[in-house]
C-alpha atoms as a PDB file:
ATOM      1  CA  MET A   1     -12.028  14.435  25.258  1.00  0.00           C
ATOM      2  CA  THR A   2      -8.953  12.489  26.352  1.00  0.00           C
ATOM      3  CA  SER A   3      -9.027  10.385  23.166  1.00  0.00           C
ATOM      4  CA  LYS A   4      -9.038  13.569  21.055  1.00  0.00           C
ATOM      5  CA  ILE A   5      -5.999  14.880  22.886  1.00  0.00           C
ATOM      6  CA  ILE A   6      -4.222  11.549  22.407  1.00  0.00           C
ATOM      7  CA  ASN A   7      -5.147  11.655  18.701  1.00  0.00           C
ATOM      8  CA  PHE A   8      -3.787  15.190  18.366  1.00  0.00           C
ATOM      9  CA  ILE A   9      -0.532  14.145  20.053  1.00  0.00           C
ATOM     10  CA  LEU A  10      -0.258  11.083  17.795  1.00  0.00           C
ATOM     11  CA  PHE A  11      -0.602  13.290  14.717  1.00  0.00           C
ATOM     12  CA  GLN A  12       2.041  15.686  16.029  1.00  0.00           C
ATOM     13  CA  LEU A  13       4.398  12.740  16.577  1.00  0.00           C
ATOM     14  CA  VAL A  14       3.828  11.560  12.997  1.00  0.00           C
ATOM     15  CA  TRP A  15       4.393  15.071  11.651  1.00  0.00           C
ATOM     16  CA  PHE A  16       7.631  15.667  13.542  1.00  0.00           C
ATOM     17  CA  ALA A  17       8.956  12.169  12.861  1.00  0.00           C
ATOM     18  CA  CYS A  18       8.401  12.478   9.107  1.00  0.00           C
ATOM     19  CA  ILE A  19       9.704  16.034   8.806  1.00  0.00           C
ATOM     20  CA  LEU A  20      12.766  15.466  10.953  1.00  0.00           C
ATOM     21  CA  GLY A  21      13.388  12.050   9.430  1.00  0.00           C
ATOM     22  CA  ALA A  22      13.457  13.548   5.949  1.00  0.00           C
ATOM     23  CA  ALA A  23      15.610  16.463   7.091  1.00  0.00           C
ATOM     24  CA  ILE A  24      18.290  14.231   8.656  1.00  0.00           C
ATOM     25  CA  ASN A  25      18.210  11.501   5.999  1.00  0.00           C
ATOM     26  CA  GLU A  26      16.395   8.971   8.211  1.00  0.00           C
ATOM     27  CA  THR A  27      13.247   8.700   6.115  1.00  0.00           C
ATOM     28  CA  HIS A  28      12.729   4.967   6.495  1.00  0.00           C
ATOM     29  CA  THR A  29      13.162   5.082  10.274  1.00  0.00           C
ATOM     30  CA  ALA A  30      10.730   7.999  10.481  1.00  0.00           C
ATOM     31  CA  VAL A  31       8.195   6.247   8.241  1.00  0.00           C
ATOM     32  CA  ALA A  32       8.419   3.027  10.278  1.00  0.00           C
ATOM     33  CA  PHE A  33       7.971   4.944  13.545  1.00  0.00           C
ATOM     34  CA  SER A  34       5.054   6.910  12.069  1.00  0.00           C
ATOM     35  CA  LEU A  35       3.347   3.774  10.785  1.00  0.00           C
ATOM     36  CA  LEU A  36       3.579   2.295  14.285  1.00  0.00           C
ATOM     37  CA  ILE A  37       1.854   5.408  15.622  1.00  0.00           C
ATOM     38  CA  ILE A  38      -0.854   5.104  12.965  1.00  0.00           C
ATOM     39  CA  LEU A  39      -1.306   1.417  13.845  1.00  0.00           C
ATOM     40  CA  PHE A  40      -1.694   2.442  17.481  1.00  0.00           C
ATOM     41  CA  HIS A  41      -4.455   4.816  16.369  1.00  0.00           C
ATOM     42  CA  PHE A  42      -6.190   1.899  14.656  1.00  0.00           C
ATOM     43  CA  TYR A  43      -5.840  -0.140  17.825  1.00  0.00           C
ATOM     44  CA  LEU A  44      -7.689   2.634  19.689  1.00  0.00           C
ATOM     45  CA  ALA A  45     -10.245   3.347  16.924  1.00  0.00           C
ATOM     46  CA  LYS A  46     -13.808   2.133  17.333  1.00  0.00           C
ATOM     47  CA  ASP A  47     -14.625   1.864  13.622  1.00  0.00           C
ATOM     48  CA  LYS A  48     -11.480   0.459  12.048  1.00  0.00           C
ATOM     49  CA  LYS A  49     -13.090  -0.244   8.658  1.00  0.00           C
ATOM     50  CA  ASN A  50     -14.131   3.377   8.130  1.00  0.00           C
ATOM     51  CA  GLU A  51     -10.801   4.657   9.457  1.00  0.00           C
ATOM     52  CA  ILE A  52      -9.000   2.544   6.839  1.00  0.00           C
ATOM     53  CA  LYS A  53     -11.267   3.892   4.075  1.00  0.00           C
ATOM     54  CA  ILE A  54     -10.547   7.476   5.091  1.00  0.00           C
ATOM     55  CA  LEU A  55      -6.821   6.771   5.404  1.00  0.00           C
ATOM     56  CA  LEU A  56      -6.680   5.287   1.895  1.00  0.00           C
ATOM     57  CA  ILE A  57      -8.657   8.143   0.334  1.00  0.00           C
ATOM     58  CA  ALA A  58      -6.538  10.788   2.078  1.00  0.00           C
ATOM     59  CA  SER A  59      -3.356   8.980   1.028  1.00  0.00           C
ATOM     60  CA  ILE A  60      -4.416   8.966  -2.619  1.00  0.00           C
ATOM     61  CA  ILE A  61      -5.449  12.630  -2.534  1.00  0.00           C
ATOM     62  CA  GLY A  62      -2.190  13.563  -0.788  1.00  0.00           C
ATOM     63  CA  PHE A  63      -0.125  11.505  -3.235  1.00  0.00           C
ATOM     64  CA  LEU A  64      -1.792  13.328  -6.152  1.00  0.00           C
ATOM     65  CA  PHE A  65      -1.643  16.819  -4.614  1.00  0.00           C
ATOM     66  CA  ASP A  66       1.971  16.661  -3.503  1.00  0.00           C
ATOM     67  CA  GLY A  67       2.833  14.905  -6.764  1.00  0.00           C
ATOM     68  CA  PHE A  68       1.348  17.901  -8.569  1.00  0.00           C
ATOM     69  CA  LEU A  69       3.459  20.276  -6.457  1.00  0.00           C
ATOM     70  CA  LEU A  70       6.553  18.196  -7.237  1.00  0.00           C
ATOM     71  CA  LYS A  71       5.895  17.815 -10.991  1.00  0.00           C
ATOM     72  CA  SER A  72       5.072  21.519 -11.265  1.00  0.00           C
ATOM     73  CA  GLU A  73       8.436  22.263  -9.652  1.00  0.00           C
ATOM     74  CA  LEU A  74       6.724  24.299  -6.958  1.00  0.00           C
ATOM     75  CA  VAL A  75       8.321  22.296  -4.146  1.00  0.00           C
ATOM     76  CA  LEU A  76      11.439  20.242  -3.694  1.00  0.00           C
ATOM     77  CA  TYR A  77      11.335  17.511  -1.066  1.00  0.00           C
ATOM     78  CA  THR A  78      14.335  16.331   0.903  1.00  0.00           C
ATOM     79  CA  ASN A  79      15.096  12.606   0.930  1.00  0.00           C
ATOM     80  CA  HIS A  80      12.109  11.017  -0.777  1.00  0.00           C
ATOM     81  CA  GLY A  81      12.543   7.515   0.576  1.00  0.00           C
ATOM     82  CA  TRP A  82      12.168   6.167  -2.952  1.00  0.00           C
ATOM     83  CA  SER A  83      12.118   7.568  -6.501  1.00  0.00           C
ATOM     84  CA  TYR A  84      12.625  11.315  -6.717  1.00  0.00           C
ATOM     85  CA  SER A  85      10.091  11.522  -9.553  1.00  0.00           C
ATOM     86  CA  ILE A  86       7.039  10.793  -7.376  1.00  0.00           C
ATOM     87  CA  THR A  87       5.563  11.995  -4.106  1.00  0.00           C
ATOM     88  CA  PRO A  88       7.910  11.144  -1.231  1.00  0.00           C
ATOM     89  CA  LEU A  89       7.024   8.212   0.978  1.00  0.00           C
ATOM     90  CA  TRP A  90       7.166  10.366   4.104  1.00  0.00           C
ATOM     91  CA  ILE A  91       4.684  12.842   2.607  1.00  0.00           C
ATOM     92  CA  ILE A  92       2.189  10.045   1.997  1.00  0.00           C
ATOM     93  CA  VAL A  93       2.627   8.947   5.603  1.00  0.00           C
ATOM     94  CA  LEU A  94       2.003  12.550   6.681  1.00  0.00           C
ATOM     95  CA  TRP A  95      -1.311  12.432   4.801  1.00  0.00           C
ATOM     96  CA  MET A  96      -2.089   9.192   6.629  1.00  0.00           C
ATOM     97  CA  GLY A  97      -1.343  10.988   9.876  1.00  0.00           C
ATOM     98  CA  PHE A  98      -3.692  13.796   8.906  1.00  0.00           C
ATOM     99  CA  ALA A  99      -6.367  11.231   8.011  1.00  0.00           C
ATOM    100  CA  ILE A 100      -6.364   9.769  11.521  1.00  0.00           C
ATOM    101  CA  THR A 101      -7.439  13.174  12.891  1.00  0.00           C
ATOM    102  CA  LEU A 102     -10.573  13.497  10.747  1.00  0.00           C
ATOM    103  CA  ASN A 103     -12.835  11.367  12.957  1.00  0.00           C
ATOM    104  CA  SER A 104     -11.171  12.340  16.188  1.00  0.00           C
ATOM    105  CA  SER A 105      -9.380  15.577  17.020  1.00  0.00           C
ATOM    106  CA  LEU A 106     -10.788  17.318  13.905  1.00  0.00           C
ATOM    107  CA  ASN A 107     -14.260  15.795  14.253  1.00  0.00           C
ATOM    108  CA  TRP A 108     -15.583  19.202  15.339  1.00  0.00           C
ATOM    109  CA  LEU A 109     -15.120  20.443  11.744  1.00  0.00           C
ATOM    110  CA  LYS A 110     -17.668  17.993  10.299  1.00  0.00           C
ATOM    111  CA  LYS A 111     -20.532  20.450  10.642  1.00  0.00           C
ATOM    112  CA  LYS A 112     -18.368  23.447   9.747  1.00  0.00           C
ATOM    113  CA  ILE A 113     -17.289  22.846   6.158  1.00  0.00           C
ATOM    114  CA  LYS A 114     -16.581  26.535   5.463  1.00  0.00           C
ATOM    115  CA  LEU A 115     -14.458  26.768   8.593  1.00  0.00           C
ATOM    116  CA  SER A 116     -12.608  23.629   7.503  1.00  0.00           C
ATOM    117  CA  ALA A 117     -11.639  25.458   4.288  1.00  0.00           C
ATOM    118  CA  LEU A 118     -10.168  28.284   6.355  1.00  0.00           C
ATOM    119  CA  PHE A 119      -8.504  25.753   8.655  1.00  0.00           C
ATOM    120  CA  GLY A 120      -6.890  24.098   5.613  1.00  0.00           C
ATOM    121  CA  ALA A 121      -5.923  27.411   4.022  1.00  0.00           C
ATOM    122  CA  ILE A 122      -4.008  28.351   7.171  1.00  0.00           C
ATOM    123  CA  GLY A 123      -2.855  25.015   8.596  1.00  0.00           C
ATOM    124  CA  GLY A 124      -1.629  23.420   5.379  1.00  0.00           C
ATOM    125  CA  PRO A 125       0.713  26.253   4.368  1.00  0.00           C
ATOM    126  CA  LEU A 126       1.957  26.651   7.943  1.00  0.00           C
ATOM    127  CA  ALA A 127       2.949  22.981   7.943  1.00  0.00           C
ATOM    128  CA  TYR A 128       4.893  23.399   4.673  1.00  0.00           C
ATOM    129  CA  LEU A 129       6.586  26.562   5.963  1.00  0.00           C
ATOM    130  CA  ALA A 130       7.562  24.788   9.187  1.00  0.00           C
ATOM    131  CA  GLY A 131       8.823  21.861   7.100  1.00  0.00           C
ATOM    132  CA  GLU A 132      10.890  24.304   5.094  1.00  0.00           C
ATOM    133  CA  LYS A 133      12.398  25.807   8.256  1.00  0.00           C
ATOM    134  CA  LEU A 134      13.364  22.285   9.336  1.00  0.00           C
ATOM    135  CA  GLU A 135      14.864  21.650   5.868  1.00  0.00           C
ATOM    136  CA  ALA A 136      12.525  18.854   4.826  1.00  0.00           C
ATOM    137  CA  VAL A 137      10.962  20.767   1.938  1.00  0.00           C
ATOM    138  CA  THR A 138      11.801  23.809  -0.176  1.00  0.00           C
ATOM    139  CA  LEU A 139       9.152  26.072  -1.644  1.00  0.00           C
ATOM    140  CA  MET A 140      10.636  26.945  -5.014  1.00  0.00           C
ATOM    141  CA  THR A 141       8.577  30.067  -5.824  1.00  0.00           C
ATOM    142  CA  PRO A 142       6.035  32.333  -4.113  1.00  0.00           C
ATOM    143  CA  ILE A 143       3.428  30.656  -6.326  1.00  0.00           C
ATOM    144  CA  ALA A 144       4.109  27.439  -4.393  1.00  0.00           C
ATOM    145  CA  LEU A 145       2.587  28.939  -1.268  1.00  0.00           C
ATOM    146  CA  ILE A 146      -0.459  30.123  -3.232  1.00  0.00           C
ATOM    147  CA  ALA A 147      -0.922  26.631  -4.694  1.00  0.00           C
ATOM    148  CA  ILE A 148      -0.649  25.110  -1.212  1.00  0.00           C
ATOM    149  CA  VAL A 149      -3.203  27.566   0.201  1.00  0.00           C
ATOM    150  CA  ILE A 150      -5.646  26.806  -2.612  1.00  0.00           C
ATOM    151  CA  GLY A 151      -5.024  23.058  -2.442  1.00  0.00           C
ATOM    152  CA  TRP A 152      -5.442  22.754   1.292  1.00  0.00           C
ATOM    153  CA  SER A 153      -8.469  25.066   1.344  1.00  0.00           C
ATOM    154  CA  LEU A 154     -10.152  22.620  -1.049  1.00  0.00           C
ATOM    155  CA  ILE A 155      -8.753  19.319   0.205  1.00  0.00           C
ATOM    156  CA  THR A 156      -9.464  19.850   3.910  1.00  0.00           C
ATOM    157  CA  PRO A 157     -13.227  20.360   3.493  1.00  0.00           C
ATOM    158  CA  LEU A 158     -13.295  17.575   0.901  1.00  0.00           C
ATOM    159  CA  LEU A 159     -11.699  15.129   3.340  1.00  0.00           C
ATOM    160  CA  ILE A 160     -13.939  16.353   6.171  1.00  0.00           C
ATOM    161  CA  TYR A 161     -16.976  15.801   3.927  1.00  0.00           C
ATOM    162  CA  ILE A 162     -15.782  12.348   2.842  1.00  0.00           C
ATOM    163  CA  SER A 163     -15.094  11.408   6.451  1.00  0.00           C
ATOM    164  CA  ARG A 164     -18.575  12.527   7.441  1.00  0.00           C
ATOM    165  CA  ARG A 165     -20.193  10.601   4.587  1.00  0.00           C
ATOM    166  CA  ILE A 166     -18.261   7.432   5.371  1.00  0.00           C
ATOM    167  CA  SER A 167     -19.232   7.725   9.042  1.00  0.00           C
ATOM    168  CA  LEU A 168     -22.907   8.278   8.149  1.00  0.00           C
ATOM    169  CA  ASP A 169     -22.941   5.294   5.806  1.00  0.00           C
ATOM    170  CA  ALA A 170     -21.639   3.018   8.577  1.00  0.00           C
END
């Protein structure tokens, strides 16, 4: 139980570092700090190989999803950390942070795929709305929130399923 609490706290640190770093134009500092936190997670992880697989898959999915939101002009991100035409670096690191929770603090969702869809449909949009309040992201239209709800309600169970499959194949 203690390791799950530590994992949850690590994710919260990554989230706040990336959001606040983008908001105050300190993206690279925030990304570096967040990557150190993620490396600490790997230090603590029992199955590093599977954790890396999940992290890479989640990063690719996040890059594509947030890239879609960006290209569709549904969201505008503050301080990308690199080219403004692709998914911001700090967003990809946020997806990495989310990935480290899948086998730990969110492990309880592995047998509750339908609940994970609801969890994503609520948690994902709340994170974007909080990011907007902290001036790290701007939702450009009400459709943006609908797209985020739909995206996260599909992506969360997908990542939970992938995480479960990778763990079973180990």
